[in-house]
Amino acid sequence: MILDISQKILSKNDIKANELRKIYKKDNVFVLNFMSSPGSGKTTLLESMAEFREFKFCVIEGDLETNRDAQRLSKRRIPAYQITTGDACHLEASMIEKAYLELKDKNELRDYLIIENVGNLVCPASYDLGANLKVVLLSTPEGDDKVLKYPSMFLCADIIVITKSDIASFFNFNIENVKNDLSKINPKAKLFILNNKDKVAIKSFIEYIKECKTSKE
């Protein structure tokens, strides 16, 4: 007999994720799971989103070590709970449950909860956190070939965000290549092309999230 440990771990995680989904719904909190490579601009995007004061959100931060990202967000008056995973390359539903309850106990839950997952283009795709939307960020310095190189991540995405679009030309990043690859594996994913200076595009991204929340209420 071969015991597949990974499947048992994922099954346990899925049970917890389903429990979280019910809790989110009961509390009327719309949850997004942000996933990407390290340095793609997840925290910077959150800081930019915080400038739109009518969009009320809190954050659960995932990093191997330090609470630097949570500190950055706290300076923007965004409630943020830091999870340090040590050697784990992803967040799991049980970790989110603890952080969520902590935010709730402190009365720091908002209309939206954004989970900033550990920077990794592989492992986080396999772990359901009960989120309403999975958002995958791809920065232009990483190259335009990542969609087909890391298909599991882009297959699971509801929204794909290309970040640092203002410097795409410096890295020979061709957005059309990304669009073409997405059409092959995940044509239903919504694509946004952002950079930190383009407030109009960021607002459009926020408005789409709001529409998704409204459609699921």
N, C-alpha and C. Protein backbone atom coordinates (compact mmCIF):
# COMPACT_ATOMS: atom_id res chain seq x y z
N MET A 1 0.85 -1.20 0.00
CA MET A 1 0.00 0.00 0.00
C MET A 1 0.89 1.25 0.00
N ILE A 2 0.54 2.21 -0.86
CA ILE A 2 1.26 3.48 -0.92
C ILE A 2 0.38 4.56 -0.31
N LEU A 3 0.88 5.19 0.72
CA LEU A 3 0.13 6.25 1.39
C LEU A 3 0.56 7.59 0.82
N ASP A 4 -0.35 8.25 0.15
CA ASP A 4 -0.04 9.55 -0.45
C ASP A 4 -0.24 10.64 0.59
N ILE A 5 0.84 11.01 1.25
CA ILE A 5 0.78 12.00 2.32
C ILE A 5 0.28 13.34 1.80
N SER A 6 0.75 13.74 0.61
CA SER A 6 0.38 15.05 0.08
C SER A 6 -1.12 15.16 -0.12
N GLN A 7 -1.74 14.07 -0.60
CA GLN A 7 -3.19 14.09 -0.82
C GLN A 7 -3.94 14.19 0.50
N LYS A 8 -3.43 13.51 1.53
CA LYS A 8 -4.07 13.59 2.84
C LYS A 8 -3.99 15.01 3.41
N ILE A 9 -2.85 15.65 3.23
CA ILE A 9 -2.67 17.02 3.70
C ILE A 9 -3.62 17.96 2.98
N LEU A 10 -3.72 17.81 1.65
CA LEU A 10 -4.60 18.67 0.87
C LEU A 10 -6.06 18.44 1.23
N SER A 11 -6.42 17.18 1.47
CA SER A 11 -7.80 16.87 1.86
C SER A 11 -8.16 17.54 3.17
N LYS A 12 -7.26 17.48 4.13
CA LYS A 12 -7.48 18.14 5.43
C LYS A 12 -7.60 19.64 5.25
N ASN A 13 -6.76 20.19 4.38
CA ASN A 13 -6.80 21.62 4.11
C ASN A 13 -8.13 22.02 3.46
N ASP A 14 -8.61 21.20 2.53
CA ASP A 14 -9.87 21.50 1.84
C ASP A 14 -11.05 21.52 2.79
N ILE A 15 -11.04 20.64 3.76
CA ILE A 15 -12.11 20.62 4.77
C ILE A 15 -12.13 21.94 5.54
N LYS A 16 -10.95 22.36 5.96
CA LYS A 16 -10.84 23.63 6.69
C LYS A 16 -11.22 24.82 5.80
N ALA A 17 -10.84 24.76 4.53
CA ALA A 17 -11.17 25.85 3.60
C ALA A 17 -12.68 25.98 3.42
N ASN A 18 -13.37 24.86 3.37
CA ASN A 18 -14.83 24.89 3.25
C ASN A 18 -15.47 25.48 4.49
N GLU A 19 -14.89 25.21 5.64
CA GLU A 19 -15.39 25.81 6.89
C GLU A 19 -15.19 27.32 6.85
N LEU A 20 -14.04 27.74 6.35
CA LEU A 20 -13.76 29.17 6.25
C LEU A 20 -14.73 29.87 5.31
N ARG A 21 -15.07 29.22 4.21
CA ARG A 21 -16.01 29.81 3.26
C ARG A 21 -17.33 30.16 3.94
N LYS A 22 -17.79 29.26 4.78
CA LYS A 22 -19.04 29.49 5.50
C LYS A 22 -18.91 30.65 6.48
N ILE A 23 -17.76 30.75 7.12
CA ILE A 23 -17.52 31.84 8.07
C ILE A 23 -17.47 33.18 7.34
N TYR A 24 -16.75 33.22 6.21
CA TYR A 24 -16.67 34.46 5.43
C TYR A 24 -18.07 34.93 5.02
N LYS A 25 -18.86 33.97 4.55
CA LYS A 25 -20.21 34.31 4.08
C LYS A 25 -21.07 34.83 5.22
N LYS A 26 -20.97 34.18 6.36
CA LYS A 26 -21.75 34.60 7.53
C LYS A 26 -21.36 36.01 7.96
N ASP A 27 -20.08 36.32 7.89
CA ASP A 27 -19.59 37.64 8.31
C ASP A 27 -19.68 38.68 7.19
N ASN A 28 -20.12 38.25 6.02
CA ASN A 28 -20.22 39.14 4.85
C ASN A 28 -18.86 39.77 4.50
N VAL A 29 -17.84 38.95 4.52
CA VAL A 29 -16.49 39.39 4.16
C VAL A 29 -16.11 38.73 2.83
N PHE A 30 -15.70 39.53 1.87
CA PHE A 30 -15.31 39.03 0.55
C PHE A 30 -13.79 38.87 0.55
N VAL A 31 -13.34 37.67 0.21
CA VAL A 31 -11.92 37.31 0.41
C VAL A 31 -11.20 37.09 -0.92
N LEU A 32 -10.02 37.68 -1.02
CA LEU A 32 -9.17 37.50 -2.19
C LEU A 32 -7.83 36.91 -1.77
N ASN A 33 -7.33 35.98 -2.56
CA ASN A 33 -6.04 35.34 -2.32
C ASN A 33 -5.06 35.84 -3.37
N PHE A 34 -4.13 36.72 -2.98
CA PHE A 34 -3.11 37.26 -3.88
C PHE A 34 -1.91 36.31 -3.90
N MET A 35 -1.54 35.84 -5.09
CA MET A 35 -0.42 34.92 -5.24
C MET A 35 0.52 35.42 -6.33
N SER A 36 1.81 35.17 -6.14
CA SER A 36 2.80 35.59 -7.13
C SER A 36 4.19 35.17 -6.69
N SER A 37 5.18 35.47 -7.53
CA SER A 37 6.58 35.32 -7.14
C SER A 37 6.95 36.40 -6.12
N PRO A 38 8.04 36.19 -5.38
CA PRO A 38 8.51 37.28 -4.50
C PRO A 38 8.88 38.51 -5.34
N GLY A 39 8.55 39.68 -4.83
CA GLY A 39 8.96 40.91 -5.50
C GLY A 39 8.12 41.34 -6.68
N SER A 40 6.96 40.70 -6.86
CA SER A 40 6.11 41.05 -8.01
C SER A 40 5.33 42.34 -7.79
N GLY A 41 5.26 42.78 -6.54
CA GLY A 41 4.56 44.03 -6.26
C GLY A 41 3.24 43.87 -5.53
N LYS A 42 3.05 42.76 -4.83
CA LYS A 42 1.78 42.54 -4.11
C LYS A 42 1.55 43.62 -3.06
N THR A 43 2.54 43.83 -2.21
CA THR A 43 2.38 44.80 -1.12
C THR A 43 2.27 46.22 -1.67
N THR A 44 3.02 46.53 -2.69
CA THR A 44 2.94 47.85 -3.31
C THR A 44 1.55 48.10 -3.89
N LEU A 45 0.97 47.08 -4.51
CA LEU A 45 -0.39 47.22 -5.03
C LEU A 45 -1.38 47.47 -3.90
N LEU A 46 -1.22 46.76 -2.80
CA LEU A 46 -2.11 46.97 -1.65
C LEU A 46 -1.98 48.40 -1.12
N GLU A 47 -0.76 48.90 -1.09
CA GLU A 47 -0.56 50.29 -0.64
C GLU A 47 -1.27 51.27 -1.57
N SER A 48 -1.22 51.00 -2.86
CA SER A 48 -1.90 51.87 -3.82
C SER A 48 -3.41 51.77 -3.68
N MET A 49 -3.90 50.57 -3.42
CA MET A 49 -5.34 50.39 -3.23
C MET A 49 -5.83 51.12 -1.99
N ALA A 50 -4.97 51.24 -1.00
CA ALA A 50 -5.35 51.92 0.25
C ALA A 50 -5.62 53.40 0.05
N GLU A 51 -5.14 53.96 -1.05
CA GLU A 51 -5.38 55.37 -1.34
C GLU A 51 -6.85 55.63 -1.68
N PHE A 52 -7.56 54.58 -2.06
CA PHE A 52 -8.99 54.71 -2.36
C PHE A 52 -9.75 54.39 -1.08
N ARG A 53 -10.00 55.42 -0.30
CA ARG A 53 -10.49 55.25 1.07
C ARG A 53 -11.84 54.56 1.16
N GLU A 54 -12.64 54.65 0.09
CA GLU A 54 -13.96 54.02 0.14
C GLU A 54 -13.87 52.50 0.05
N PHE A 55 -12.70 52.00 -0.34
CA PHE A 55 -12.49 50.55 -0.44
C PHE A 55 -11.88 50.07 0.87
N LYS A 56 -12.72 49.50 1.72
CA LYS A 56 -12.29 49.11 3.06
C LYS A 56 -11.81 47.67 3.07
N PHE A 57 -10.54 47.46 3.38
CA PHE A 57 -10.03 46.10 3.41
C PHE A 57 -9.01 45.90 4.52
N CYS A 58 -8.88 44.66 4.92
CA CYS A 58 -7.84 44.25 5.86
C CYS A 58 -6.99 43.19 5.16
N VAL A 59 -5.85 42.86 5.76
CA VAL A 59 -4.89 41.99 5.08
C VAL A 59 -4.34 40.94 6.04
N ILE A 60 -4.19 39.73 5.52
CA ILE A 60 -3.40 38.70 6.18
C ILE A 60 -2.14 38.51 5.34
N GLU A 61 -1.00 38.77 5.95
CA GLU A 61 0.29 38.71 5.26
C GLU A 61 0.97 37.37 5.50
N GLY A 62 1.51 36.78 4.45
CA GLY A 62 2.28 35.55 4.59
C GLY A 62 3.71 35.73 4.10
N ASP A 63 4.67 35.50 4.96
CA ASP A 63 6.09 35.54 4.59
C ASP A 63 6.83 34.47 5.39
N LEU A 64 7.98 34.05 4.87
CA LEU A 64 8.78 33.08 5.62
C LEU A 64 9.26 33.68 6.93
N GLU A 65 9.72 34.92 6.88
CA GLU A 65 10.21 35.60 8.08
C GLU A 65 9.90 37.10 8.00
N THR A 66 9.98 37.76 9.12
CA THR A 66 9.79 39.20 9.34
C THR A 66 8.33 39.63 9.19
N ASN A 67 8.04 40.79 9.76
CA ASN A 67 6.71 41.38 9.65
C ASN A 67 6.77 42.71 8.90
N ARG A 68 7.73 42.85 8.01
CA ARG A 68 7.96 44.12 7.33
C ARG A 68 6.77 44.54 6.46
N ASP A 69 6.18 43.58 5.75
CA ASP A 69 5.05 43.94 4.89
C ASP A 69 3.85 44.39 5.71
N ALA A 70 3.59 43.70 6.81
CA ALA A 70 2.49 44.10 7.68
C ALA A 70 2.73 45.50 8.25
N GLN A 71 3.97 45.81 8.57
CA GLN A 71 4.31 47.14 9.08
C GLN A 71 4.07 48.20 8.02
N ARG A 72 4.43 47.90 6.79
CA ARG A 72 4.20 48.84 5.69
C ARG A 72 2.72 49.17 5.56
N LEU A 73 1.88 48.14 5.67
CA LEU A 73 0.45 48.34 5.51
C LEU A 73 -0.15 49.06 6.72
N SER A 74 0.35 48.75 7.89
CA SER A 74 -0.14 49.41 9.10
C SER A 74 0.08 50.92 9.04
N LYS A 75 1.17 51.33 8.41
CA LYS A 75 1.44 52.76 8.25
C LYS A 75 0.39 53.42 7.37
N ARG A 76 -0.27 52.62 6.54
CA ARG A 76 -1.35 53.13 5.69
C ARG A 76 -2.72 52.95 6.36
N ARG A 77 -2.68 52.59 7.63
CA ARG A 77 -3.91 52.37 8.41
C ARG A 77 -4.74 51.21 7.89
N ILE A 78 -4.06 50.22 7.37
CA ILE A 78 -4.72 48.99 6.93
C ILE A 78 -4.51 47.94 8.02
N PRO A 79 -5.58 47.40 8.59
CA PRO A 79 -5.41 46.32 9.57
C PRO A 79 -4.69 45.14 8.92
N ALA A 80 -3.60 44.71 9.51
CA ALA A 80 -2.80 43.64 8.90
C ALA A 80 -2.32 42.66 9.96
N TYR A 81 -2.48 41.38 9.67
CA TYR A 81 -2.02 40.31 10.55
C TYR A 81 -0.91 39.56 9.82
N GLN A 82 0.24 39.45 10.45
CA GLN A 82 1.39 38.79 9.83
C GLN A 82 1.48 37.33 10.24
N ILE A 83 1.58 36.46 9.24
CA ILE A 83 1.89 35.04 9.47
C ILE A 83 3.30 34.79 8.96
N THR A 84 4.18 34.28 9.82
CA THR A 84 5.51 33.86 9.38
C THR A 84 5.52 32.34 9.33
N THR A 85 5.83 31.80 8.17
CA THR A 85 5.69 30.37 7.94
C THR A 85 6.97 29.57 8.16
N GLY A 86 8.10 30.25 8.41
CA GLY A 86 9.35 29.51 8.56
C GLY A 86 9.80 28.95 7.23
N ASP A 87 9.79 27.63 7.11
CA ASP A 87 10.22 26.99 5.87
C ASP A 87 9.07 26.72 4.90
N ALA A 88 7.83 26.91 5.32
CA ALA A 88 6.68 26.60 4.47
C ALA A 88 6.54 27.63 3.36
N CYS A 89 6.36 27.14 2.13
CA CYS A 89 6.34 28.02 0.96
C CYS A 89 4.94 28.46 0.57
N HIS A 90 3.98 28.31 1.47
CA HIS A 90 2.59 28.66 1.17
C HIS A 90 1.82 28.85 2.48
N LEU A 91 0.67 29.46 2.39
CA LEU A 91 -0.25 29.53 3.52
C LEU A 91 -1.25 28.39 3.43
N GLU A 92 -1.74 27.96 4.57
CA GLU A 92 -2.75 26.91 4.63
C GLU A 92 -3.99 27.44 5.33
N ALA A 93 -5.10 26.76 5.11
CA ALA A 93 -6.38 27.22 5.64
C ALA A 93 -6.38 27.34 7.16
N SER A 94 -5.70 26.43 7.83
CA SER A 94 -5.66 26.48 9.30
C SER A 94 -4.94 27.74 9.79
N MET A 95 -3.92 28.18 9.05
CA MET A 95 -3.22 29.41 9.40
C MET A 95 -4.14 30.62 9.23
N ILE A 96 -4.91 30.60 8.15
CA ILE A 96 -5.82 31.70 7.87
C ILE A 96 -6.91 31.78 8.93
N GLU A 97 -7.39 30.64 9.38
CA GLU A 97 -8.45 30.63 10.40
C GLU A 97 -7.99 31.37 11.65
N LYS A 98 -6.79 31.07 12.10
CA LYS A 98 -6.26 31.72 13.31
C LYS A 98 -6.14 33.23 13.11
N ALA A 99 -5.59 33.63 11.98
CA ALA A 99 -5.40 35.06 11.70
C ALA A 99 -6.75 35.77 11.56
N TYR A 100 -7.68 35.12 10.89
CA TYR A 100 -9.01 35.71 10.68
C TYR A 100 -9.71 35.96 12.02
N LEU A 101 -9.66 34.98 12.89
CA LEU A 101 -10.31 35.12 14.20
C LEU A 101 -9.64 36.21 15.02
N GLU A 102 -8.33 36.36 14.87
CA GLU A 102 -7.62 37.42 15.57
C GLU A 102 -8.08 38.80 15.08
N LEU A 103 -8.20 38.95 13.77
CA LEU A 103 -8.70 40.20 13.21
C LEU A 103 -10.13 40.48 13.68
N LYS A 104 -10.92 39.43 13.72
CA LYS A 104 -12.32 39.57 14.15
C LYS A 104 -12.40 39.98 15.61
N ASP A 105 -11.59 39.35 16.45
CA ASP A 105 -11.59 39.67 17.89
C ASP A 105 -11.18 41.12 18.13
N LYS A 106 -10.30 41.65 17.28
CA LYS A 106 -9.83 43.03 17.43
C LYS A 106 -10.73 44.03 16.70
N ASN A 107 -11.83 43.52 16.14
CA ASN A 107 -12.76 44.36 15.38
C ASN A 107 -12.07 45.03 14.19
N GLU A 108 -11.17 44.28 13.56
CA GLU A 108 -10.41 44.82 12.43
C GLU A 108 -10.80 44.21 11.09
N LEU A 109 -11.86 43.41 11.08
CA LEU A 109 -12.36 42.89 9.81
C LEU A 109 -12.98 44.04 9.02
N ARG A 110 -12.86 43.97 7.70
CA ARG A 110 -13.45 44.97 6.83
C ARG A 110 -14.32 44.27 5.78
N ASP A 111 -14.88 45.04 4.86
CA ASP A 111 -15.73 44.46 3.81
C ASP A 111 -14.96 43.44 2.98
N TYR A 112 -13.66 43.70 2.82
CA TYR A 112 -12.80 42.83 2.01
C TYR A 112 -11.60 42.38 2.84
N LEU A 113 -11.25 41.13 2.67
CA LEU A 113 -10.03 40.59 3.26
C LEU A 113 -9.12 40.14 2.12
N ILE A 114 -7.91 40.66 2.10
CA ILE A 114 -6.95 40.26 1.08
C ILE A 114 -5.85 39.45 1.75
N ILE A 115 -5.68 38.23 1.29
CA ILE A 115 -4.61 37.36 1.78
C ILE A 115 -3.42 37.51 0.84
N GLU A 116 -2.33 38.03 1.35
CA GLU A 116 -1.11 38.12 0.55
C GLU A 116 -0.28 36.88 0.83
N ASN A 117 -0.35 35.94 -0.08
CA ASN A 117 0.28 34.64 0.12
C ASN A 117 1.81 34.75 0.05
N VAL A 118 2.47 33.71 0.50
CA VAL A 118 3.93 33.64 0.43
C VAL A 118 4.36 33.72 -1.03
N GLY A 119 5.43 34.47 -1.30
CA GLY A 119 5.91 34.61 -2.67
C GLY A 119 6.41 33.29 -3.24
N ASN A 120 5.64 32.74 -4.18
CA ASN A 120 5.97 31.44 -4.77
C ASN A 120 4.99 31.18 -5.91
N LEU A 121 5.47 30.78 -7.07
CA LEU A 121 4.58 30.54 -8.21
C LEU A 121 4.13 29.09 -8.33
N VAL A 122 4.40 28.28 -7.30
CA VAL A 122 4.04 26.86 -7.40
C VAL A 122 3.09 26.45 -6.28
N CYS A 123 3.61 26.33 -5.07
CA CYS A 123 2.86 25.72 -3.96
C CYS A 123 1.53 26.38 -3.61
N PRO A 124 1.43 27.71 -3.53
CA PRO A 124 0.16 28.31 -3.11
C PRO A 124 -1.04 27.93 -3.98
N ALA A 125 -0.78 27.57 -5.23
CA ALA A 125 -1.88 27.22 -6.13
C ALA A 125 -2.63 25.98 -5.67
N SER A 126 -1.97 25.11 -4.91
CA SER A 126 -2.57 23.84 -4.50
C SER A 126 -3.38 23.94 -3.21
N TYR A 127 -3.25 25.05 -2.49
CA TYR A 127 -3.87 25.14 -1.16
C TYR A 127 -5.03 26.13 -1.16
N ASP A 128 -6.23 25.56 -1.07
CA ASP A 128 -7.46 26.35 -1.01
C ASP A 128 -7.54 27.07 0.33
N LEU A 129 -7.79 28.37 0.29
CA LEU A 129 -7.92 29.16 1.51
C LEU A 129 -9.35 29.67 1.69
N GLY A 130 -10.25 29.15 0.86
CA GLY A 130 -11.65 29.54 0.97
C GLY A 130 -11.97 30.88 0.34
N ALA A 131 -11.03 31.44 -0.41
CA ALA A 131 -11.20 32.77 -0.98
C ALA A 131 -12.27 32.80 -2.06
N ASN A 132 -12.92 33.95 -2.20
CA ASN A 132 -13.90 34.14 -3.27
C ASN A 132 -13.22 34.30 -4.62
N LEU A 133 -12.05 34.95 -4.61
CA LEU A 133 -11.31 35.16 -5.85
C LEU A 133 -9.83 34.86 -5.64
N LYS A 134 -9.23 34.22 -6.63
CA LYS A 134 -7.79 34.01 -6.63
C LYS A 134 -7.17 34.97 -7.64
N VAL A 135 -6.24 35.77 -7.16
CA VAL A 135 -5.61 36.80 -7.98
C VAL A 135 -4.12 36.48 -8.12
N VAL A 136 -3.66 36.33 -9.34
CA VAL A 136 -2.25 36.04 -9.60
C VAL A 136 -1.59 37.26 -10.22
N LEU A 137 -0.49 37.68 -9.62
CA LEU A 137 0.28 38.82 -10.13
C LEU A 137 1.51 38.32 -10.88
N LEU A 138 1.79 38.97 -11.99
CA LEU A 138 2.99 38.68 -12.78
C LEU A 138 3.66 40.01 -13.11
N SER A 139 4.88 40.21 -12.65
CA SER A 139 5.58 41.46 -12.92
C SER A 139 6.39 41.35 -14.20
N THR A 140 6.52 42.47 -14.89
CA THR A 140 7.22 42.44 -16.18
C THR A 140 8.69 42.02 -16.08
N PRO A 141 9.42 42.32 -14.99
CA PRO A 141 10.81 41.84 -14.92
C PRO A 141 10.93 40.32 -14.89
N GLU A 142 9.85 39.62 -14.54
CA GLU A 142 9.90 38.15 -14.49
C GLU A 142 9.90 37.52 -15.87
N GLY A 143 9.45 38.25 -16.87
CA GLY A 143 9.38 37.70 -18.22
C GLY A 143 7.97 37.31 -18.61
N ASP A 144 7.72 37.28 -19.92
CA ASP A 144 6.36 37.01 -20.41
C ASP A 144 6.09 35.54 -20.69
N ASP A 145 6.99 34.67 -20.24
CA ASP A 145 6.85 33.24 -20.53
C ASP A 145 6.33 32.42 -19.35
N LYS A 146 5.93 33.06 -18.27
CA LYS A 146 5.61 32.34 -17.04
C LYS A 146 4.28 31.60 -17.07
N VAL A 147 3.35 32.05 -17.89
CA VAL A 147 2.01 31.43 -17.90
C VAL A 147 2.09 29.94 -18.23
N LEU A 148 2.85 29.60 -19.25
CA LEU A 148 2.96 28.19 -19.64
C LEU A 148 4.02 27.44 -18.85
N LYS A 149 4.96 28.16 -18.25
CA LYS A 149 5.96 27.51 -17.41
C LYS A 149 5.39 27.09 -16.06
N TYR A 150 4.43 27.86 -15.56
CA TYR A 150 3.80 27.59 -14.26
C TYR A 150 2.29 27.50 -14.43
N PRO A 151 1.82 26.53 -15.21
CA PRO A 151 0.39 26.50 -15.57
C PRO A 151 -0.56 26.33 -14.40
N SER A 152 -0.17 25.58 -13.37
CA SER A 152 -1.11 25.34 -12.26
C SER A 152 -1.50 26.65 -11.58
N MET A 153 -0.57 27.57 -11.47
CA MET A 153 -0.87 28.86 -10.85
C MET A 153 -1.84 29.67 -11.70
N PHE A 154 -1.58 29.75 -12.99
CA PHE A 154 -2.41 30.58 -13.86
C PHE A 154 -3.74 29.90 -14.20
N LEU A 155 -3.78 28.59 -14.12
CA LEU A 155 -5.04 27.87 -14.32
C LEU A 155 -6.04 28.16 -13.22
N CYS A 156 -5.56 28.36 -12.00
CA CYS A 156 -6.46 28.54 -10.86
C CYS A 156 -6.93 29.98 -10.70
N ALA A 157 -6.36 30.90 -11.48
CA ALA A 157 -6.62 32.32 -11.27
C ALA A 157 -7.97 32.76 -11.81
N ASP A 158 -8.66 33.58 -11.03
CA ASP A 158 -9.85 34.28 -11.51
C ASP A 158 -9.47 35.61 -12.14
N ILE A 159 -8.43 36.22 -11.57
CA ILE A 159 -7.92 37.50 -12.06
C ILE A 159 -6.40 37.38 -12.21
N ILE A 160 -5.88 37.93 -13.29
CA ILE A 160 -4.44 37.98 -13.48
C ILE A 160 -4.04 39.44 -13.64
N VAL A 161 -3.06 39.86 -12.87
CA VAL A 161 -2.61 41.26 -12.89
C VAL A 161 -1.16 41.31 -13.34
N ILE A 162 -0.93 42.01 -14.43
CA ILE A 162 0.44 42.29 -14.85
C ILE A 162 0.87 43.58 -14.16
N THR A 163 1.91 43.50 -13.35
CA THR A 163 2.39 44.66 -12.62
C THR A 163 3.67 45.23 -13.24
N LYS A 164 3.97 46.46 -12.85
CA LYS A 164 5.17 47.16 -13.35
C LYS A 164 5.14 47.28 -14.87
N SER A 165 3.94 47.54 -15.39
CA SER A 165 3.78 47.62 -16.85
C SER A 165 4.54 48.80 -17.45
N ASP A 166 4.82 49.81 -16.63
CA ASP A 166 5.52 51.00 -17.13
C ASP A 166 6.99 50.73 -17.47
N ILE A 167 7.51 49.60 -17.03
CA ILE A 167 8.91 49.28 -17.36
C ILE A 167 9.01 48.01 -18.22
N ALA A 168 7.89 47.62 -18.83
CA ALA A 168 7.86 46.39 -19.63
C ALA A 168 8.90 46.40 -20.75
N SER A 169 9.07 47.55 -21.38
CA SER A 169 9.98 47.63 -22.53
C SER A 169 11.44 47.36 -22.15
N PHE A 170 11.80 47.65 -20.91
CA PHE A 170 13.17 47.42 -20.46
C PHE A 170 13.50 45.93 -20.34
N PHE A 171 12.45 45.11 -20.26
CA PHE A 171 12.65 43.66 -20.08
C PHE A 171 12.11 42.86 -21.26
N ASN A 172 11.85 43.56 -22.37
CA ASN A 172 11.30 42.90 -23.57
C ASN A 172 10.06 42.07 -23.23
N PHE A 173 9.25 42.61 -22.33
CA PHE A 173 8.03 41.92 -21.92
C PHE A 173 6.92 42.25 -22.91
N ASN A 174 6.42 41.21 -23.57
CA ASN A 174 5.37 41.38 -24.57
C ASN A 174 4.04 40.94 -23.99
N ILE A 175 3.17 41.89 -23.73
CA ILE A 175 1.87 41.58 -23.11
C ILE A 175 1.03 40.68 -24.01
N GLU A 176 1.20 40.81 -25.31
CA GLU A 176 0.44 39.97 -26.24
C GLU A 176 0.81 38.49 -26.08
N ASN A 177 2.07 38.22 -25.74
CA ASN A 177 2.47 36.83 -25.50
C ASN A 177 1.73 36.25 -24.31
N VAL A 178 1.57 37.07 -23.26
CA VAL A 178 0.83 36.62 -22.07
C VAL A 178 -0.63 36.37 -22.43
N LYS A 179 -1.23 37.28 -23.16
CA LYS A 179 -2.63 37.13 -23.56
C LYS A 179 -2.82 35.86 -24.39
N ASN A 180 -1.89 35.61 -25.29
CA ASN A 180 -1.99 34.43 -26.14
C ASN A 180 -1.88 33.14 -25.32
N ASP A 181 -0.95 33.11 -24.37
CA ASP A 181 -0.79 31.93 -23.52
C ASP A 181 -2.01 31.73 -22.62
N LEU A 182 -2.56 32.82 -22.10
CA LEU A 182 -3.75 32.70 -21.26
C LEU A 182 -4.94 32.18 -22.05
N SER A 183 -5.03 32.56 -23.31
CA SER A 183 -6.15 32.10 -24.14
C SER A 183 -6.12 30.59 -24.32
N LYS A 184 -4.94 29.99 -24.15
CA LYS A 184 -4.80 28.54 -24.31
C LYS A 184 -5.18 27.78 -23.05
N ILE A 185 -4.90 28.35 -21.87
CA ILE A 185 -5.12 27.58 -20.64
C ILE A 185 -6.18 28.15 -19.72
N ASN A 186 -6.43 29.46 -19.79
CA ASN A 186 -7.43 30.06 -18.89
C ASN A 186 -8.04 31.30 -19.52
N PRO A 187 -8.81 31.12 -20.59
CA PRO A 187 -9.36 32.28 -21.30
C PRO A 187 -10.40 33.06 -20.51
N LYS A 188 -10.95 32.46 -19.45
CA LYS A 188 -11.99 33.13 -18.66
C LYS A 188 -11.42 34.09 -17.62
N ALA A 189 -10.13 34.01 -17.37
CA ALA A 189 -9.52 34.88 -16.36
C ALA A 189 -9.56 36.34 -16.81
N LYS A 190 -9.87 37.21 -15.88
CA LYS A 190 -9.89 38.65 -16.15
C LYS A 190 -8.47 39.18 -16.04
N LEU A 191 -8.05 39.97 -17.03
CA LEU A 191 -6.68 40.47 -17.06
C LEU A 191 -6.65 41.98 -16.81
N PHE A 192 -5.76 42.39 -15.89
CA PHE A 192 -5.53 43.81 -15.64
C PHE A 192 -4.05 44.11 -15.85
N ILE A 193 -3.78 45.26 -16.45
CA ILE A 193 -2.41 45.70 -16.68
C ILE A 193 -2.19 46.96 -15.86
N LEU A 194 -1.36 46.84 -14.82
CA LEU A 194 -1.23 47.92 -13.85
C LEU A 194 0.21 48.37 -13.67
N ASN A 195 0.34 49.59 -13.18
CA ASN A 195 1.59 50.05 -12.58
C ASN A 195 1.22 51.02 -11.48
N ASN A 196 2.11 51.23 -10.56
CA ASN A 196 1.80 51.98 -9.35
C ASN A 196 1.39 53.43 -9.62
N LYS A 197 1.79 53.97 -10.76
CA LYS A 197 1.48 55.37 -11.08
C LYS A 197 0.11 55.53 -11.75
N ASP A 198 -0.43 54.45 -12.27
CA ASP A 198 -1.68 54.52 -13.03
C ASP A 198 -2.87 54.33 -12.10
N LYS A 199 -3.33 55.41 -11.50
CA LYS A 199 -4.42 55.33 -10.53
C LYS A 199 -5.75 54.97 -11.20
N VAL A 200 -5.91 55.34 -12.47
CA VAL A 200 -7.14 55.00 -13.19
C VAL A 200 -7.27 53.49 -13.33
N ALA A 201 -6.18 52.82 -13.69
CA ALA A 201 -6.19 51.37 -13.86
C ALA A 201 -6.40 50.67 -12.52
N ILE A 202 -5.79 51.20 -11.46
CA ILE A 202 -5.97 50.60 -10.14
C ILE A 202 -7.41 50.75 -9.67
N LYS A 203 -8.00 51.91 -9.95
CA LYS A 203 -9.41 52.11 -9.59
C LYS A 203 -10.30 51.14 -10.35
N SER A 204 -9.99 50.90 -11.62
CA SER A 204 -10.75 49.94 -12.43
C SER A 204 -10.66 48.54 -11.84
N PHE A 205 -9.48 48.19 -11.37
CA PHE A 205 -9.26 46.89 -10.71
C PHE A 205 -10.14 46.79 -9.45
N ILE A 206 -10.16 47.84 -8.65
CA ILE A 206 -10.97 47.85 -7.43
C ILE A 206 -12.45 47.75 -7.77
N GLU A 207 -12.89 48.49 -8.78
CA GLU A 207 -14.30 48.47 -9.16
C GLU A 207 -14.72 47.07 -9.61
N TYR A 208 -13.83 46.38 -10.30
CA TYR A 208 -14.15 45.01 -10.72
C TYR A 208 -14.32 44.09 -9.52
N ILE A 209 -13.45 44.25 -8.52
CA ILE A 209 -13.57 43.46 -7.29
C ILE A 209 -14.91 43.73 -6.62
N LYS A 210 -15.30 45.00 -6.57
CA LYS A 210 -16.59 45.36 -5.98
C LYS A 210 -17.74 44.70 -6.72
N GLU A 211 -17.66 44.70 -8.05
CA GLU A 211 -18.70 44.07 -8.86
C GLU A 211 -18.79 42.58 -8.57
N CYS A 212 -17.65 41.94 -8.40
CA CYS A 212 -17.63 40.51 -8.08
C CYS A 212 -18.30 40.24 -6.74
N LYS A 213 -18.03 41.09 -5.77
CA LYS A 213 -18.66 40.94 -4.45
C LYS A 213 -20.17 41.09 -4.56
N THR A 214 -20.61 42.11 -5.29
CA THR A 214 -22.04 42.35 -5.45
C THR A 214 -22.73 41.18 -6.13
N SER A 215 -22.08 40.61 -7.14
CA SER A 215 -22.68 39.51 -7.89
C SER A 215 -22.82 38.24 -7.08
N LYS A 216 -22.03 38.12 -6.00
CA LYS A 216 -22.06 36.91 -5.18
C LYS A 216 -22.84 37.09 -3.89
N GLU A 217 -23.42 38.27 -3.70
CA GLU A 217 -24.20 38.50 -2.48
C GLU A 217 -25.61 37.92 -2.62
